[in-house]
Amino acid sequence: MVERWLQFTNLSLLEQARARVTRTLMDGIQLNMSTEEALKILRRHVNTKINLVTMFVDINDSTQMSLSLPQNKFALVLQTFAQEIGIAVLGYGGHIFKYEGDAIIILFLADFDEIKACKNALHCSTAILRILREVINPIFRTNGIPEITVRIGMAYGYVLVVLYGKSLENAHVDIIGSSISLAAKITSIAKANQILIGEYIYNILLSSTNDEDIVNKSKFTEVILDVANWKYLSHFDSYSMYHVYEYLPTDLLVQ
């Protein structure tokens, strides 16, 4: 499988992706997708807290798509999507933690540089939308496959790495923490191809003094939340609701 990827390395990254997606639709998945690297990292931190950005990428209206497409074609859509997102995540220093049907959970470790982790996550989210717009959807359209949109949500915070068993090598390993739940909740309120971030990420980026700060290249807008359904308290003010912001990269404003 990997050999087919190697023959595209003389092309630009987007051209490589187009060639790979086209080949995937003809011949099936091109690369092995694995969560092993993330699990290896987590096993080194069992029973301890680690700091990270958790990102959810969720395909919109996948249930409707699953009803309108043959099962094998729908599976290929999910595989193609997961393959290309996995490659983008790797390029920005992230790790695929779980594939959950039409959703992918991604981790960006932040123990050594929280600003870099937040920036990498945002750059990765921008890359994902660009891959959808310029690579996946045009090829899907050409092949008579419905285009897809995604919802992206992310949050920052400490998580506890837990082991479900006694064997470090064989037992199931997982992470628990409010930031994971918040990332999922944030994703659930996102619109099609919208990137939403939690208040910690927003504040971390605003605190950055780097001249190349991502804040100078993008637009953050606070999301007006439905207080009847959003009941999560801010980490910074126990009398306020947890704040959520839309991240709108300037390079995605030009269609």
C-alpha atoms as a PDB file:
ATOM      1  CA  MET A   1       0.000   0.000   0.000  1.00  0.00           C
ATOM      2  CA  VAL A   2       2.687   2.489   0.982  1.00  0.00           C
ATOM      3  CA  GLU A   3       4.492   2.106  -2.332  1.00  0.00           C
ATOM      4  CA  ARG A   4       1.585   3.767  -4.158  1.00  0.00           C
ATOM      5  CA  TRP A   5       1.933   6.793  -1.883  1.00  0.00           C
ATOM      6  CA  LEU A   6       5.657   7.066  -2.510  1.00  0.00           C
ATOM      7  CA  GLN A   7       5.237   7.493  -6.241  1.00  0.00           C
ATOM      8  CA  PHE A   8       3.395  10.781  -5.642  1.00  0.00           C
ATOM      9  CA  THR A   9       6.112  12.418  -3.556  1.00  0.00           C
ATOM     10  CA  ASN A  10       7.425  14.521  -6.433  1.00  0.00           C
ATOM     11  CA  LEU A  11       4.101  16.389  -6.577  1.00  0.00           C
ATOM     12  CA  SER A  12       2.810  19.203  -4.391  1.00  0.00           C
ATOM     13  CA  LEU A  13       0.939  18.139  -1.262  1.00  0.00           C
ATOM     14  CA  LEU A  14      -2.470  18.954  -2.740  1.00  0.00           C
ATOM     15  CA  GLU A  15      -1.612  17.173  -5.978  1.00  0.00           C
ATOM     16  CA  GLN A  16      -0.437  14.179  -3.964  1.00  0.00           C
ATOM     17  CA  ALA A  17      -3.746  14.189  -2.107  1.00  0.00           C
ATOM     18  CA  ARG A  18      -5.754  14.422  -5.340  1.00  0.00           C
ATOM     19  CA  ALA A  19      -3.838  11.523  -6.851  1.00  0.00           C
ATOM     20  CA  ARG A  20      -4.237   9.466  -3.673  1.00  0.00           C
ATOM     21  CA  VAL A  21      -7.989  10.137  -3.342  1.00  0.00           C
ATOM     22  CA  THR A  22      -8.552   9.276  -7.006  1.00  0.00           C
ATOM     23  CA  ARG A  23      -6.628   6.041  -6.555  1.00  0.00           C
ATOM     24  CA  THR A  24      -8.512   5.283  -3.342  1.00  0.00           C
ATOM     25  CA  LEU A  25     -11.880   5.504  -5.081  1.00  0.00           C
ATOM     26  CA  MET A  26     -10.637   3.129  -7.774  1.00  0.00           C
ATOM     27  CA  ASP A  27      -8.592   0.626  -5.775  1.00  0.00           C
ATOM     28  CA  GLY A  28      -9.562   1.101  -2.141  1.00  0.00           C
ATOM     29  CA  ILE A  29      -7.741   2.589   0.832  1.00  0.00           C
ATOM     30  CA  GLN A  30      -4.108   3.416   0.080  1.00  0.00           C
ATOM     31  CA  LEU A  31      -2.506   3.731   3.517  1.00  0.00           C
ATOM     32  CA  ASN A  32      -2.799   1.896   6.801  1.00  0.00           C
ATOM     33  CA  MET A  33      -4.689   3.993   9.346  1.00  0.00           C
ATOM     34  CA  SER A  34      -3.747   3.346  12.927  1.00  0.00           C
ATOM     35  CA  THR A  35      -4.164   4.812  16.388  1.00  0.00           C
ATOM     36  CA  GLU A  36      -1.127   2.954  17.735  1.00  0.00           C
ATOM     37  CA  GLU A  37       1.113   6.008  18.032  1.00  0.00           C
ATOM     38  CA  ALA A  38      -1.404   7.828  20.224  1.00  0.00           C
ATOM     39  CA  LEU A  39      -1.883   4.720  22.356  1.00  0.00           C
ATOM     40  CA  LYS A  40       1.881   4.315  22.802  1.00  0.00           C
ATOM     41  CA  ILE A  41       2.105   7.864  24.090  1.00  0.00           C
ATOM     42  CA  LEU A  42      -0.824   7.384  26.446  1.00  0.00           C
ATOM     43  CA  ARG A  43       0.590   4.142  27.845  1.00  0.00           C
ATOM     44  CA  ARG A  44       3.681   6.087  28.912  1.00  0.00           C
ATOM     45  CA  HIS A  45       1.442   8.344  31.012  1.00  0.00           C
ATOM     46  CA  VAL A  46      -0.951   5.871  32.646  1.00  0.00           C
ATOM     47  CA  ASN A  47      -2.432   7.161  35.933  1.00  0.00           C
ATOM     48  CA  THR A  48      -1.068  10.654  35.308  1.00  0.00           C
ATOM     49  CA  LYS A  49      -2.505  13.866  33.930  1.00  0.00           C
ATOM     50  CA  ILE A  50      -1.382  15.239  30.593  1.00  0.00           C
ATOM     51  CA  ASN A  51      -2.146  18.554  28.966  1.00  0.00           C
ATOM     52  CA  LEU A  52      -3.540  18.535  25.458  1.00  0.00           C
ATOM     53  CA  VAL A  53      -5.851  19.953  22.830  1.00  0.00           C
ATOM     54  CA  THR A  54      -8.663  17.550  21.958  1.00  0.00           C
ATOM     55  CA  MET A  55     -10.223  17.992  18.512  1.00  0.00           C
ATOM     56  CA  PHE A  56     -13.332  16.329  17.102  1.00  0.00           C
ATOM     57  CA  VAL A  57     -13.968  16.234  13.352  1.00  0.00           C
ATOM     58  CA  ASP A  58     -17.471  15.031  12.551  1.00  0.00           C
ATOM     59  CA  ILE A  59     -19.086  14.485   9.133  1.00  0.00           C
ATOM     60  CA  ASN A  60     -22.450  16.208   8.771  1.00  0.00           C
ATOM     61  CA  ASP A  61     -25.575  14.293   7.720  1.00  0.00           C
ATOM     62  CA  SER A  62     -23.713  11.000   7.515  1.00  0.00           C
ATOM     63  CA  THR A  63     -26.859   9.065   8.417  1.00  0.00           C
ATOM     64  CA  GLN A  64     -28.651  10.404   5.356  1.00  0.00           C
ATOM     65  CA  MET A  65     -25.615   9.580   3.228  1.00  0.00           C
ATOM     66  CA  SER A  66     -25.512   6.041   4.596  1.00  0.00           C
ATOM     67  CA  LEU A  67     -29.140   5.582   3.519  1.00  0.00           C
ATOM     68  CA  SER A  68     -28.618   6.950   0.020  1.00  0.00           C
ATOM     69  CA  LEU A  69     -25.390   5.131  -0.865  1.00  0.00           C
ATOM     70  CA  PRO A  70     -24.575   1.420  -1.161  1.00  0.00           C
ATOM     71  CA  GLN A  71     -22.798   0.245   1.979  1.00  0.00           C
ATOM     72  CA  ASN A  72     -19.476  -0.395   0.243  1.00  0.00           C
ATOM     73  CA  LYS A  73     -19.483   3.081  -1.319  1.00  0.00           C
ATOM     74  CA  PHE A  74     -20.418   4.735   1.971  1.00  0.00           C
ATOM     75  CA  ALA A  75     -17.605   2.832   3.687  1.00  0.00           C
ATOM     76  CA  LEU A  76     -15.203   4.090   1.011  1.00  0.00           C
ATOM     77  CA  VAL A  77     -16.327   7.667   1.679  1.00  0.00           C
ATOM     78  CA  LEU A  78     -15.532   7.249   5.383  1.00  0.00           C
ATOM     79  CA  GLN A  79     -12.212   5.552   4.644  1.00  0.00           C
ATOM     80  CA  THR A  80     -11.153   8.249   2.179  1.00  0.00           C
ATOM     81  CA  PHE A  81     -12.087  10.973   4.620  1.00  0.00           C
ATOM     82  CA  ALA A  82     -10.256   9.297   7.513  1.00  0.00           C
ATOM     83  CA  GLN A  83      -7.173   8.631   5.393  1.00  0.00           C
ATOM     84  CA  GLU A  84      -6.768  12.245   4.279  1.00  0.00           C
ATOM     85  CA  ILE A  85      -7.526  13.689   7.708  1.00  0.00           C
ATOM     86  CA  GLY A  86      -5.021  11.295   9.271  1.00  0.00           C
ATOM     87  CA  ILE A  87      -2.281  12.486   6.927  1.00  0.00           C
ATOM     88  CA  ALA A  88      -3.080  16.140   7.663  1.00  0.00           C
ATOM     89  CA  VAL A  89      -3.062  15.501  11.414  1.00  0.00           C
ATOM     90  CA  LEU A  90       0.339  13.842  11.235  1.00  0.00           C
ATOM     91  CA  GLY A  91       1.704  16.825   9.325  1.00  0.00           C
ATOM     92  CA  TYR A  92       0.703  19.177  12.140  1.00  0.00           C
ATOM     93  CA  GLY A  93       2.080  17.090  14.987  1.00  0.00           C
ATOM     94  CA  GLY A  94      -1.233  15.608  16.078  1.00  0.00           C
ATOM     95  CA  HIS A  95      -2.226  12.023  16.803  1.00  0.00           C
ATOM     96  CA  ILE A  96      -5.379  10.156  15.851  1.00  0.00           C
ATOM     97  CA  PHE A  97      -6.862   8.862  19.096  1.00  0.00           C
ATOM     98  CA  LYS A  98     -10.056   7.215  17.841  1.00  0.00           C
ATOM     99  CA  TYR A  99     -12.084   6.585  14.717  1.00  0.00           C
ATOM    100  CA  GLU A 100     -15.735   6.561  15.734  1.00  0.00           C
ATOM    101  CA  GLY A 101     -17.883   5.930  12.677  1.00  0.00           C
ATOM    102  CA  ASP A 102     -18.172   9.304  10.953  1.00  0.00           C
ATOM    103  CA  ALA A 103     -16.055  11.115  13.567  1.00  0.00           C
ATOM    104  CA  ILE A 104     -12.353  11.329  14.336  1.00  0.00           C
ATOM    105  CA  ILE A 105     -10.876  12.295  17.714  1.00  0.00           C
ATOM    106  CA  ILE A 106      -7.468  13.944  17.517  1.00  0.00           C
ATOM    107  CA  LEU A 107      -4.963  14.831  20.231  1.00  0.00           C
ATOM    108  CA  PHE A 108      -2.302  17.548  20.243  1.00  0.00           C
ATOM    109  CA  LEU A 109       0.033  17.147  23.207  1.00  0.00           C
ATOM    110  CA  ALA A 110       0.648  20.410  25.037  1.00  0.00           C
ATOM    111  CA  ASP A 111       2.824  19.576  28.041  1.00  0.00           C
ATOM    112  CA  PHE A 112       5.880  21.366  26.643  1.00  0.00           C
ATOM    113  CA  ASP A 113       4.376  24.189  24.562  1.00  0.00           C
ATOM    114  CA  GLU A 114       0.691  24.929  24.930  1.00  0.00           C
ATOM    115  CA  ILE A 115       0.770  27.816  22.457  1.00  0.00           C
ATOM    116  CA  LYS A 116       2.304  25.646  19.753  1.00  0.00           C
ATOM    117  CA  ALA A 117      -0.214  22.876  20.414  1.00  0.00           C
ATOM    118  CA  CYS A 118      -3.126  25.295  20.041  1.00  0.00           C
ATOM    119  CA  LYS A 119      -1.691  26.823  16.881  1.00  0.00           C
ATOM    120  CA  ASN A 120      -0.999  23.405  15.374  1.00  0.00           C
ATOM    121  CA  ALA A 121      -4.574  22.347  16.068  1.00  0.00           C
ATOM    122  CA  LEU A 122      -5.975  25.455  14.399  1.00  0.00           C
ATOM    123  CA  HIS A 123      -3.655  25.175  11.404  1.00  0.00           C
ATOM    124  CA  CYS A 124      -4.674  21.525  11.105  1.00  0.00           C
ATOM    125  CA  SER A 125      -8.370  22.409  11.186  1.00  0.00           C
ATOM    126  CA  THR A 126      -7.794  24.919   8.385  1.00  0.00           C
ATOM    127  CA  ALA A 127      -5.944  22.283   6.361  1.00  0.00           C
ATOM    128  CA  ILE A 128      -8.833  19.848   6.828  1.00  0.00           C
ATOM    129  CA  LEU A 129     -11.338  22.314   5.381  1.00  0.00           C
ATOM    130  CA  ARG A 130      -9.011  23.100   2.494  1.00  0.00           C
ATOM    131  CA  ILE A 131      -8.560  19.395   1.727  1.00  0.00           C
ATOM    132  CA  LEU A 132     -12.332  18.981   1.669  1.00  0.00           C
ATOM    133  CA  ARG A 133     -12.839  22.004  -0.564  1.00  0.00           C
ATOM    134  CA  GLU A 134      -9.971  21.516  -2.999  1.00  0.00           C
ATOM    135  CA  VAL A 135      -9.385  17.768  -3.029  1.00  0.00           C
ATOM    136  CA  ILE A 136     -12.040  15.444  -1.656  1.00  0.00           C
ATOM    137  CA  ASN A 137     -15.280  17.139  -2.715  1.00  0.00           C
ATOM    138  CA  PRO A 138     -14.271  17.930  -6.315  1.00  0.00           C
ATOM    139  CA  ILE A 139     -13.241  14.283  -6.808  1.00  0.00           C
ATOM    140  CA  PHE A 140     -16.398  13.024  -5.084  1.00  0.00           C
ATOM    141  CA  ARG A 141     -18.453  15.274  -7.369  1.00  0.00           C
ATOM    142  CA  THR A 142     -16.716  13.934 -10.468  1.00  0.00           C
ATOM    143  CA  ASN A 143     -17.446  10.379  -9.351  1.00  0.00           C
ATOM    144  CA  GLY A 144     -21.096  10.958  -8.518  1.00  0.00           C
ATOM    145  CA  ILE A 145     -20.561  10.827  -4.749  1.00  0.00           C
ATOM    146  CA  PRO A 146     -22.267  13.398  -2.494  1.00  0.00           C
ATOM    147  CA  GLU A 147     -19.979  16.115  -1.170  1.00  0.00           C
ATOM    148  CA  ILE A 148     -19.324  16.150   2.554  1.00  0.00           C
ATOM    149  CA  THR A 149     -19.103  18.883   5.136  1.00  0.00           C
ATOM    150  CA  VAL A 150     -17.709  18.618   8.636  1.00  0.00           C
ATOM    151  CA  ARG A 151     -18.064  20.143  12.056  1.00  0.00           C
ATOM    152  CA  ILE A 152     -14.852  20.806  13.965  1.00  0.00           C
ATOM    153  CA  GLY A 153     -14.645  21.504  17.673  1.00  0.00           C
ATOM    154  CA  MET A 154     -11.730  21.618  20.081  1.00  0.00           C
ATOM    155  CA  ALA A 155     -10.945  22.297  23.715  1.00  0.00           C
ATOM    156  CA  TYR A 156      -7.820  22.486  25.847  1.00  0.00           C
ATOM    157  CA  GLY A 157      -7.123  21.063  29.272  1.00  0.00           C
ATOM    158  CA  TYR A 158      -5.721  18.308  31.443  1.00  0.00           C
ATOM    159  CA  VAL A 159      -6.901  14.732  31.022  1.00  0.00           C
ATOM    160  CA  LEU A 160      -6.234  11.676  33.135  1.00  0.00           C
ATOM    161  CA  VAL A 161      -4.875   8.610  31.346  1.00  0.00           C
ATOM    162  CA  VAL A 162      -6.578   5.489  32.706  1.00  0.00           C
ATOM    163  CA  LEU A 163      -5.901   1.805  32.152  1.00  0.00           C
ATOM    164  CA  TYR A 164      -8.817  -0.652  32.105  1.00  0.00           C
ATOM    165  CA  GLY A 165      -6.930  -3.669  33.371  1.00  0.00           C
ATOM    166  CA  LYS A 166      -3.561  -4.683  34.824  1.00  0.00           C
ATOM    167  CA  SER A 167      -1.517  -5.248  31.684  1.00  0.00           C
ATOM    168  CA  LEU A 168       0.087  -2.061  30.414  1.00  0.00           C
ATOM    169  CA  GLU A 169       0.649  -3.669  27.015  1.00  0.00           C
ATOM    170  CA  ASN A 170      -2.738  -5.315  26.492  1.00  0.00           C
ATOM    171  CA  ALA A 171      -5.381  -3.549  28.574  1.00  0.00           C
ATOM    172  CA  HIS A 172      -7.575  -0.848  27.065  1.00  0.00           C
ATOM    173  CA  VAL A 173      -6.246   2.659  27.672  1.00  0.00           C
ATOM    174  CA  ASP A 174      -8.401   5.767  27.619  1.00  0.00           C
ATOM    175  CA  ILE A 175      -8.496   9.389  28.731  1.00  0.00           C
ATOM    176  CA  ILE A 176     -11.041  11.157  30.904  1.00  0.00           C
ATOM    177  CA  GLY A 177     -11.489  14.841  31.590  1.00  0.00           C
ATOM    178  CA  SER A 178     -13.833  17.778  31.139  1.00  0.00           C
ATOM    179  CA  SER A 179     -11.936  19.046  28.082  1.00  0.00           C
ATOM    180  CA  ILE A 180     -12.859  15.903  26.129  1.00  0.00           C
ATOM    181  CA  SER A 181     -16.530  16.274  26.971  1.00  0.00           C
ATOM    182  CA  LEU A 182     -16.418  19.973  26.144  1.00  0.00           C
ATOM    183  CA  ALA A 183     -14.743  19.327  22.786  1.00  0.00           C
ATOM    184  CA  ALA A 184     -17.578  16.925  21.930  1.00  0.00           C
ATOM    185  CA  LYS A 185     -20.229  19.405  23.057  1.00  0.00           C
ATOM    186  CA  ILE A 186     -18.578  22.241  21.128  1.00  0.00           C
ATOM    187  CA  THR A 187     -18.517  20.110  17.990  1.00  0.00           C
ATOM    188  CA  SER A 188     -22.200  19.291  18.374  1.00  0.00           C
ATOM    189  CA  ILE A 189     -23.181  22.974  18.083  1.00  0.00           C
ATOM    190  CA  ALA A 190     -20.921  23.729  15.108  1.00  0.00           C
ATOM    191  CA  LYS A 191     -22.439  24.391  11.700  1.00  0.00           C
ATOM    192  CA  ALA A 192     -21.261  22.880   8.423  1.00  0.00           C
ATOM    193  CA  ASN A 193     -17.537  23.525   7.866  1.00  0.00           C
ATOM    194  CA  GLN A 194     -17.354  25.654  10.994  1.00  0.00           C
ATOM    195  CA  ILE A 195     -14.418  25.571  13.418  1.00  0.00           C
ATOM    196  CA  LEU A 196     -15.292  26.239  17.050  1.00  0.00           C
ATOM    197  CA  ILE A 197     -12.838  26.498  19.925  1.00  0.00           C
ATOM    198  CA  GLY A 198     -13.147  26.605  23.692  1.00  0.00           C
ATOM    199  CA  GLU A 199     -12.231  29.555  25.890  1.00  0.00           C
ATOM    200  CA  TYR A 200      -8.904  28.115  27.056  1.00  0.00           C
ATOM    201  CA  ILE A 201      -7.556  27.943  23.502  1.00  0.00           C
ATOM    202  CA  TYR A 202      -8.762  31.470  22.802  1.00  0.00           C
ATOM    203  CA  ASN A 203      -7.093  32.855  25.930  1.00  0.00           C
ATOM    204  CA  ILE A 204      -3.854  30.961  25.326  1.00  0.00           C
ATOM    205  CA  LEU A 205      -3.581  32.411  21.831  1.00  0.00           C
ATOM    206  CA  LEU A 206      -4.366  35.926  23.013  1.00  0.00           C
ATOM    207  CA  SER A 207      -1.613  35.606  25.607  1.00  0.00           C
ATOM    208  CA  SER A 208       0.953  34.820  22.912  1.00  0.00           C
ATOM    209  CA  THR A 209       3.387  37.663  22.216  1.00  0.00           C
ATOM    210  CA  ASN A 210       4.807  36.088  19.082  1.00  0.00           C
ATOM    211  CA  ASP A 211       4.798  38.527  16.154  1.00  0.00           C
ATOM    212  CA  GLU A 212       3.623  35.641  14.013  1.00  0.00           C
ATOM    213  CA  ASP A 213       0.658  35.120  16.301  1.00  0.00           C
ATOM    214  CA  ILE A 214      -2.201  33.294  14.647  1.00  0.00           C
ATOM    215  CA  VAL A 215      -4.600  35.882  16.079  1.00  0.00           C
ATOM    216  CA  ASN A 216      -3.217  38.436  13.626  1.00  0.00           C
ATOM    217  CA  LYS A 217      -4.087  36.215  10.675  1.00  0.00           C
ATOM    218  CA  SER A 218      -7.560  35.100  11.559  1.00  0.00           C
ATOM    219  CA  LYS A 219     -10.849  36.163  12.978  1.00  0.00           C
ATOM    220  CA  PHE A 220     -12.283  34.990  16.290  1.00  0.00           C
ATOM    221  CA  THR A 221     -15.945  35.659  16.981  1.00  0.00           C
ATOM    222  CA  GLU A 222     -17.700  34.669  20.183  1.00  0.00           C
ATOM    223  CA  VAL A 223     -20.618  32.333  19.596  1.00  0.00           C
ATOM    224  CA  ILE A 224     -23.962  33.330  21.074  1.00  0.00           C
ATOM    225  CA  LEU A 225     -25.005  30.227  22.983  1.00  0.00           C
ATOM    226  CA  ASP A 226     -28.484  29.009  23.820  1.00  0.00           C
ATOM    227  CA  VAL A 227     -28.470  29.249  27.599  1.00  0.00           C
ATOM    228  CA  ALA A 228     -31.379  26.807  27.764  1.00  0.00           C
ATOM    229  CA  ASN A 229     -29.151  24.055  26.386  1.00  0.00           C
ATOM    230  CA  TRP A 230     -25.620  25.249  27.167  1.00  0.00           C
ATOM    231  CA  LYS A 231     -25.111  24.975  30.901  1.00  0.00           C
ATOM    232  CA  TYR A 232     -21.333  24.688  31.241  1.00  0.00           C
ATOM    233  CA  LEU A 233     -19.590  27.167  33.512  1.00  0.00           C
ATOM    234  CA  SER A 234     -16.522  29.148  32.539  1.00  0.00           C
ATOM    235  CA  HIS A 235     -13.177  28.018  33.953  1.00  0.00           C
ATOM    236  CA  PHE A 236     -12.263  31.665  34.509  1.00  0.00           C
ATOM    237  CA  ASP A 237     -15.476  32.987  36.059  1.00  0.00           C
ATOM    238  CA  SER A 238     -17.791  30.649  37.941  1.00  0.00           C
ATOM    239  CA  TYR A 239     -20.667  33.107  37.406  1.00  0.00           C
ATOM    240  CA  SER A 240     -20.360  33.032  33.614  1.00  0.00           C
ATOM    241  CA  MET A 241     -20.992  30.430  30.969  1.00  0.00           C
ATOM    242  CA  TYR A 242     -18.119  28.651  29.264  1.00  0.00           C
ATOM    243  CA  HIS A 243     -17.236  30.740  26.209  1.00  0.00           C
ATOM    244  CA  VAL A 244     -17.008  29.341  22.683  1.00  0.00           C
ATOM    245  CA  TYR A 245     -15.461  31.121  19.711  1.00  0.00           C
ATOM    246  CA  GLU A 246     -15.625  30.637  15.973  1.00  0.00           C
ATOM    247  CA  TYR A 247     -12.245  30.503  14.271  1.00  0.00           C
ATOM    248  CA  LEU A 248     -12.402  31.886  10.730  1.00  0.00           C
ATOM    249  CA  PRO A 249      -9.033  31.733   8.919  1.00  0.00           C
ATOM    250  CA  THR A 250      -8.608  34.492   6.364  1.00  0.00           C
ATOM    251  CA  ASP A 251      -7.392  32.093   3.674  1.00  0.00           C
ATOM    252  CA  LEU A 252     -10.751  30.321   3.803  1.00  0.00           C
ATOM    253  CA  LEU A 253     -12.698  33.527   3.285  1.00  0.00           C
ATOM    254  CA  VAL A 254     -11.736  33.581  -0.389  1.00  0.00           C
ATOM    255  CA  GLN A 255     -13.746  30.956  -2.214  1.00  0.00           C
END
